[in-house]
PDB file of all heavy atoms in Angstrom:
ATOM      1  N   LEU A   1     120.633 112.373  95.648  1.00  0.00           N
ATOM      2  CA  LEU A   1     120.239 111.015  96.049  1.00  0.00           C
ATOM      3  C   LEU A   1     118.716 110.924  96.074  1.00  0.00           C
ATOM      4  O   LEU A   1     118.083 109.930  95.620  1.00  0.00           O
ATOM      5  CB  LEU A   1     120.862 110.622  97.420  1.00  0.00           C
ATOM      6  CG  LEU A   1     120.397 109.356  98.026  1.00  0.00           C
ATOM      7  CD1 LEU A   1     120.751 108.198  97.049  1.00  0.00           C
ATOM      8  CD2 LEU A   1     121.055 109.109  99.385  1.00  0.00           C
ATOM      9  N   ALA A   2     118.032 111.976  96.623  1.00  0.00           N
ATOM     10  CA  ALA A   2     116.543 111.915  96.762  1.00  0.00           C
ATOM     11  C   ALA A   2     115.891 111.744  95.380  1.00  0.00           C
ATOM     12  O   ALA A   2     114.970 111.066  95.217  1.00  0.00           O
ATOM     13  CB  ALA A   2     116.063 113.134  97.455  1.00  0.00           C
ATOM     14  N   HIS A   3     116.411 112.374  94.388  1.00  0.00           N
ATOM     15  CA  HIS A   3     115.865 112.295  93.039  1.00  0.00           C
ATOM     16  C   HIS A   3     116.126 110.878  92.417  1.00  0.00           C
ATOM     17  O   HIS A   3     115.222 110.354  91.790  1.00  0.00           O
ATOM     18  CB  HIS A   3     116.436 113.340  92.131  1.00  0.00           C
ATOM     19  CG  HIS A   3     116.144 114.703  92.641  1.00  0.00           C
ATOM     20  ND1 HIS A   3     114.849 115.148  92.984  1.00  0.00           N
ATOM     21  CD2 HIS A   3     116.968 115.785  92.902  1.00  0.00           C
ATOM     22  CE1 HIS A   3     114.964 116.390  93.373  1.00  0.00           C
ATOM     23  NE2 HIS A   3     116.274 116.810  93.352  1.00  0.00           N
ATOM     24  N   ILE A   4     117.298 110.330  92.671  1.00  0.00           N
ATOM     25  CA  ILE A   4     117.646 109.059  91.992  1.00  0.00           C
ATOM     26  C   ILE A   4     116.883 107.851  92.703  1.00  0.00           C
ATOM     27  O   ILE A   4     116.477 106.905  92.044  1.00  0.00           O
ATOM     28  CB  ILE A   4     119.126 108.820  92.093  1.00  0.00           C
ATOM     29  CG1 ILE A   4     119.859 109.863  91.178  1.00  0.00           C
ATOM     30  CG2 ILE A   4     119.501 107.359  91.689  1.00  0.00           C
ATOM     31  CD1 ILE A   4     119.512 109.718  89.717  1.00  0.00           C
ATOM     32  N   ALA A   5     116.783 108.087  94.076  1.00  0.00           N
ATOM     33  CA  ALA A   5     116.149 106.939  94.860  1.00  0.00           C
ATOM     34  C   ALA A   5     114.640 106.991  94.995  1.00  0.00           C
ATOM     35  O   ALA A   5     114.079 106.398  95.950  1.00  0.00           O
ATOM     36  CB  ALA A   5     116.898 106.885  96.263  1.00  0.00           C
ATOM     37  N   GLU A   6     114.002 107.851  94.243  1.00  0.00           N
ATOM     38  CA  GLU A   6     112.616 108.086  94.423  1.00  0.00           C
ATOM     39  C   GLU A   6     111.726 106.787  94.501  1.00  0.00           C
ATOM     40  O   GLU A   6     110.778 106.710  95.212  1.00  0.00           O
ATOM     41  CB  GLU A   6     112.043 109.025  93.407  1.00  0.00           C
ATOM     42  CG  GLU A   6     110.570 109.386  93.516  1.00  0.00           C
ATOM     43  CD  GLU A   6     110.030 110.170  92.343  1.00  0.00           C
ATOM     44  OE1 GLU A   6     110.760 110.314  91.343  1.00  0.00           O
ATOM     45  OE2 GLU A   6     108.982 110.756  92.573  1.00  0.00           O
ATOM     46  N   SER A   7     112.066 105.776  93.676  1.00  0.00           N
ATOM     47  CA  SER A   7     111.298 104.606  93.514  1.00  0.00           C
ATOM     48  C   SER A   7     111.300 103.778  94.886  1.00  0.00           C
ATOM     49  O   SER A   7     110.349 103.090  95.223  1.00  0.00           O
ATOM     50  CB  SER A   7     111.610 103.798  92.357  1.00  0.00           C
ATOM     51  OG  SER A   7     112.970 103.288  92.579  1.00  0.00           O
ATOM     52  N   ILE A   8     112.351 103.858  95.626  1.00  0.00           N
ATOM     53  CA  ILE A   8     112.430 103.152  96.845  1.00  0.00           C
ATOM     54  C   ILE A   8     112.282 104.040  98.185  1.00  0.00           C
ATOM     55  O   ILE A   8     111.996 103.484  99.275  1.00  0.00           O
ATOM     56  CB  ILE A   8     113.862 102.356  96.944  1.00  0.00           C
ATOM     57  CG1 ILE A   8     115.021 103.255  97.073  1.00  0.00           C
ATOM     58  CG2 ILE A   8     113.919 101.284  95.948  1.00  0.00           C
ATOM     59  CD1 ILE A   8     116.239 102.593  97.365  1.00  0.00           C
ATOM     60  N   ALA A   9     112.437 105.355  97.960  1.00  0.00           N
ATOM     61  CA  ALA A   9     112.334 106.271  99.076  1.00  0.00           C
ATOM     62  C   ALA A   9     111.480 107.467  98.585  1.00  0.00           C
ATOM     63  O   ALA A   9     112.051 108.505  98.563  1.00  0.00           O
ATOM     64  CB  ALA A   9     113.657 106.633  99.650  1.00  0.00           C
ATOM     65  N   PRO A  10     110.219 107.355  98.280  1.00  0.00           N
ATOM     66  CA  PRO A  10     109.442 108.414  97.694  1.00  0.00           C
ATOM     67  C   PRO A  10     109.248 109.573  98.615  1.00  0.00           C
ATOM     68  O   PRO A  10     109.212 110.706  98.169  1.00  0.00           O
ATOM     69  CB  PRO A  10     108.090 107.721  97.397  1.00  0.00           C
ATOM     70  CG  PRO A  10     108.053 106.501  98.351  1.00  0.00           C
ATOM     71  CD  PRO A  10     109.418 106.124  98.425  1.00  0.00           C
ATOM     72  N   LYS A  11     109.227 109.397  99.943  1.00  0.00           N
ATOM     73  CA  LYS A  11     108.955 110.461 100.827  1.00  0.00           C
ATOM     74  C   LYS A  11     110.199 111.359 100.903  1.00  0.00           C
ATOM     75  O   LYS A  11     110.052 112.610 101.222  1.00  0.00           O
ATOM     76  CB  LYS A  11     108.569 109.998 102.227  1.00  0.00           C
ATOM     77  CG  LYS A  11     107.206 109.426 102.299  1.00  0.00           C
ATOM     78  CD  LYS A  11     106.718 109.170 103.667  1.00  0.00           C
ATOM     79  CE  LYS A  11     105.312 108.598 103.739  1.00  0.00           C
ATOM     80  NZ  LYS A  11     104.824 108.452 105.145  1.00  0.00           N
ATOM     81  N   LEU A  12     111.434 110.791 100.640  1.00  0.00           N
ATOM     82  CA  LEU A  12     112.653 111.660 100.708  1.00  0.00           C
ATOM     83  C   LEU A  12     112.455 112.737  99.599  1.00  0.00           C
ATOM     84  O   LEU A  12     112.830 113.843  99.918  1.00  0.00           O
ATOM     85  CB  LEU A  12     113.806 110.756 100.474  1.00  0.00           C
ATOM     86  CG  LEU A  12     115.163 111.444 100.518  1.00  0.00           C
ATOM     87  CD1 LEU A  12     115.418 112.143 101.871  1.00  0.00           C
ATOM     88  CD2 LEU A  12     116.219 110.398 100.182  1.00  0.00           C
ATOM     89  N   ARG A  13     112.222 112.324  98.339  1.00  0.00           N
ATOM     90  CA  ARG A  13     112.059 113.313  97.284  1.00  0.00           C
ATOM     91  C   ARG A  13     110.874 114.300  97.571  1.00  0.00           C
ATOM     92  O   ARG A  13     110.914 115.444  97.227  1.00  0.00           O
ATOM     93  CB  ARG A  13     111.866 112.677  95.908  1.00  0.00           C
ATOM     94  CG  ARG A  13     111.994 113.609  94.743  1.00  0.00           C
ATOM     95  CD  ARG A  13     112.114 112.901  93.462  1.00  0.00           C
ATOM     96  NE  ARG A  13     112.417 113.785  92.382  1.00  0.00           N
ATOM     97  CZ  ARG A  13     111.531 114.376  91.611  1.00  0.00           C
ATOM     98  NH1 ARG A  13     110.247 114.124  91.801  1.00  0.00           N
ATOM     99  NH2 ARG A  13     111.877 115.203  90.632  1.00  0.00           N
ATOM    100  N   GLU A  14     109.753 113.671  98.076  1.00  0.00           N
ATOM    101  CA  GLU A  14     108.693 114.550  98.331  1.00  0.00           C
ATOM    102  C   GLU A  14     109.008 115.669  99.379  1.00  0.00           C
ATOM    103  O   GLU A  14     108.665 116.798  99.211  1.00  0.00           O
ATOM    104  CB  GLU A  14     107.478 113.677  98.967  1.00  0.00           C
ATOM    105  CG  GLU A  14     106.266 114.499  99.304  1.00  0.00           C
ATOM    106  CD  GLU A  14     105.164 113.642  99.883  1.00  0.00           C
ATOM    107  OE1 GLU A  14     105.346 112.446 100.112  1.00  0.00           O
ATOM    108  OE2 GLU A  14     104.124 114.230 100.354  1.00  0.00           O
ATOM    109  N   GLN A  15     109.877 115.336 100.357  1.00  0.00           N
ATOM    110  CA  GLN A  15     110.315 116.267 101.320  1.00  0.00           C
ATOM    111  C   GLN A  15     111.210 117.310 100.718  1.00  0.00           C
ATOM    112  O   GLN A  15     111.055 118.518 100.925  1.00  0.00           O
ATOM    113  CB  GLN A  15     110.994 115.684 102.475  1.00  0.00           C
ATOM    114  CG  GLN A  15     111.409 116.590 103.604  1.00  0.00           C
ATOM    115  CD  GLN A  15     112.114 115.824 104.777  1.00  0.00           C
ATOM    116  OE1 GLN A  15     112.814 114.935 104.636  1.00  0.00           O
ATOM    117  NE2 GLN A  15     111.863 116.477 106.004  1.00  0.00           N
ATOM    118  N   VAL A  16     112.159 116.839  99.878  1.00  0.00           N
ATOM    119  CA  VAL A  16     113.129 117.774  99.259  1.00  0.00           C
ATOM    120  C   VAL A  16     112.495 118.709  98.368  1.00  0.00           C
ATOM    121  O   VAL A  16     112.925 119.890  98.197  1.00  0.00           O
ATOM    122  CB  VAL A  16     114.241 116.959  98.592  1.00  0.00           C
ATOM    123  CG1 VAL A  16     115.012 117.831  97.608  1.00  0.00           C
ATOM    124  CG2 VAL A  16     115.192 116.342  99.631  1.00  0.00           C
ATOM    125  N   ASN A  17     111.414 118.274  97.693  1.00  0.00           N
ATOM    126  CA  ASN A  17     110.737 119.134  96.712  1.00  0.00           C
ATOM    127  C   ASN A  17     109.455 119.833  97.370  1.00  0.00           C
ATOM    128  O   ASN A  17     108.651 120.290  96.510  1.00  0.00           O
ATOM    129  CB  ASN A  17     110.389 118.343  95.423  1.00  0.00           C
ATOM    130  CG  ASN A  17     111.519 118.315  94.401  1.00  0.00           C
ATOM    131  OD1 ASN A  17     112.485 119.026  94.613  1.00  0.00           O
ATOM    132  ND2 ASN A  17     111.316 117.605  93.330  1.00  0.00           N
ATOM    133  N   SER A  18     109.296 119.688  98.519  1.00  0.00           N
ATOM    134  CA  SER A  18     108.126 120.303  99.192  1.00  0.00           C
ATOM    135  C   SER A  18     108.151 121.834  99.114  1.00  0.00           C
ATOM    136  O   SER A  18     109.160 122.427  98.989  1.00  0.00           O
ATOM    137  CB  SER A  18     107.989 119.912 100.665  1.00  0.00           C
ATOM    138  OG  SER A  18     108.994 120.423 101.403  1.00  0.00           O
ATOM    139  N   PRO A  19     106.975 122.490  99.252  1.00  0.00           N
ATOM    140  CA  PRO A  19     106.993 123.910  99.159  1.00  0.00           C
ATOM    141  C   PRO A  19     107.857 124.569 100.252  1.00  0.00           C
ATOM    142  O   PRO A  19     108.632 125.461  99.982  1.00  0.00           O
ATOM    143  CB  PRO A  19     105.486 124.281  99.393  1.00  0.00           C
ATOM    144  CG  PRO A  19     104.758 123.178  98.867  1.00  0.00           C
ATOM    145  CD  PRO A  19     105.681 121.972  99.179  1.00  0.00           C
ATOM    146  N   ALA A  20     107.867 123.963 101.516  1.00  0.00           N
ATOM    147  CA  ALA A  20     108.655 124.557 102.563  1.00  0.00           C
ATOM    148  C   ALA A  20     110.139 124.429 102.251  1.00  0.00           C
ATOM    149  O   ALA A  20     110.991 125.266 102.455  1.00  0.00           O
ATOM    150  CB  ALA A  20     108.290 123.930 103.931  1.00  0.00           C
ATOM    151  N   ALA A  21     110.568 123.276 101.759  1.00  0.00           N
ATOM    152  CA  ALA A  21     112.021 123.071 101.474  1.00  0.00           C
ATOM    153  C   ALA A  21     112.446 124.016 100.378  1.00  0.00           C
ATOM    154  O   ALA A  21     113.490 124.608 100.515  1.00  0.00           O
ATOM    155  CB  ALA A  21     112.253 121.653 101.007  1.00  0.00           C
ATOM    156  N   ARG A  22     111.622 124.203  99.276  1.00  0.00           N
ATOM    157  CA  ARG A  22     111.956 125.127  98.302  1.00  0.00           C
ATOM    158  C   ARG A  22     112.094 126.531  98.833  1.00  0.00           C
ATOM    159  O   ARG A  22     113.003 127.399  98.278  1.00  0.00           O
ATOM    160  CB  ARG A  22     110.912 125.067  97.243  1.00  0.00           C
ATOM    161  CG  ARG A  22     110.834 123.828  96.403  1.00  0.00           C
ATOM    162  CD  ARG A  22     109.522 123.802  95.464  1.00  0.00           C
ATOM    163  NE  ARG A  22     109.392 122.597  94.866  1.00  0.00           N
ATOM    164  CZ  ARG A  22     109.804 122.314  93.480  1.00  0.00           C
ATOM    165  NH1 ARG A  22     110.402 123.337  92.850  1.00  0.00           N
ATOM    166  NH2 ARG A  22     109.628 121.217  92.988  1.00  0.00           N
ATOM    167  N   GLN A  23     111.316 126.886  99.843  1.00  0.00           N
ATOM    168  CA  GLN A  23     111.402 128.262 100.364  1.00  0.00           C
ATOM    169  C   GLN A  23     112.581 128.401 101.353  1.00  0.00           C
ATOM    170  O   GLN A  23     113.158 129.533 101.426  1.00  0.00           O
ATOM    171  CB  GLN A  23     110.022 128.586 101.121  1.00  0.00           C
ATOM    172  CG  GLN A  23     108.858 128.753 100.174  1.00  0.00           C
ATOM    173  CD  GLN A  23     107.606 128.953 100.973  1.00  0.00           C
ATOM    174  OE1 GLN A  23     107.389 128.358 101.949  1.00  0.00           O
ATOM    175  NE2 GLN A  23     106.846 129.863 100.437  1.00  0.00           N
ATOM    176  N   LEU A  24     112.942 127.371 102.057  1.00  0.00           N
ATOM    177  CA  LEU A  24     113.945 127.495 103.148  1.00  0.00           C
ATOM    178  C   LEU A  24     115.324 127.379 102.564  1.00  0.00           C
ATOM    179  O   LEU A  24     116.269 128.073 103.055  1.00  0.00           O
ATOM    180  CB  LEU A  24     113.711 126.317 104.201  1.00  0.00           C
ATOM    181  CG  LEU A  24     112.486 126.276 104.995  1.00  0.00           C
ATOM    182  CD1 LEU A  24     112.355 125.036 105.784  1.00  0.00           C
ATOM    183  CD2 LEU A  24     112.533 127.464 106.011  1.00  0.00           C
ATOM    184  N   LEU A  25     115.513 126.626 101.544  1.00  0.00           N
ATOM    185  CA  LEU A  25     116.898 126.368 101.052  1.00  0.00           C
ATOM    186  C   LEU A  25     117.438 127.488 100.229  1.00  0.00           C
ATOM    187  O   LEU A  25     116.778 127.989  99.375  1.00  0.00           O
ATOM    188  CB  LEU A  25     116.912 125.015 100.241  1.00  0.00           C
ATOM    189  CG  LEU A  25     116.540 123.728 100.978  1.00  0.00           C
ATOM    190  CD1 LEU A  25     116.536 122.507  99.965  1.00  0.00           C
ATOM    191  CD2 LEU A  25     117.503 123.511 102.231  1.00  0.00           C
ATOM    192  N   ALA A  26     118.751 127.801 100.600  1.00  0.00           N
ATOM    193  CA  ALA A  26     119.369 128.834  99.740  1.00  0.00           C
ATOM    194  C   ALA A  26     119.562 128.291  98.256  1.00  0.00           C
ATOM    195  O   ALA A  26     119.419 129.134  97.372  1.00  0.00           O
ATOM    196  CB  ALA A  26     120.669 129.206 100.333  1.00  0.00           C
ATOM    197  N   LEU A  27     119.842 127.073  98.171  1.00  0.00           N
ATOM    198  CA  LEU A  27     120.063 126.394  96.886  1.00  0.00           C
ATOM    199  C   LEU A  27     119.238 125.134  96.806  1.00  0.00           C
ATOM    200  O   LEU A  27     119.374 124.229  97.725  1.00  0.00           O
ATOM    201  CB  LEU A  27     121.530 126.190  96.600  1.00  0.00           C
ATOM    202  CG  LEU A  27     122.464 127.377  96.407  1.00  0.00           C
ATOM    203  CD1 LEU A  27     123.834 126.941  96.244  1.00  0.00           C
ATOM    204  CD2 LEU A  27     122.003 128.353  95.243  1.00  0.00           C
TER     205      LEU A  27
END
């Protein structure tokens, strides 16, 4: 959802693709 809704919720995708999220998430 974060990727599809980027135009209306840009911070959501920014958070999901942030360096910390990439490091924390198992997948």
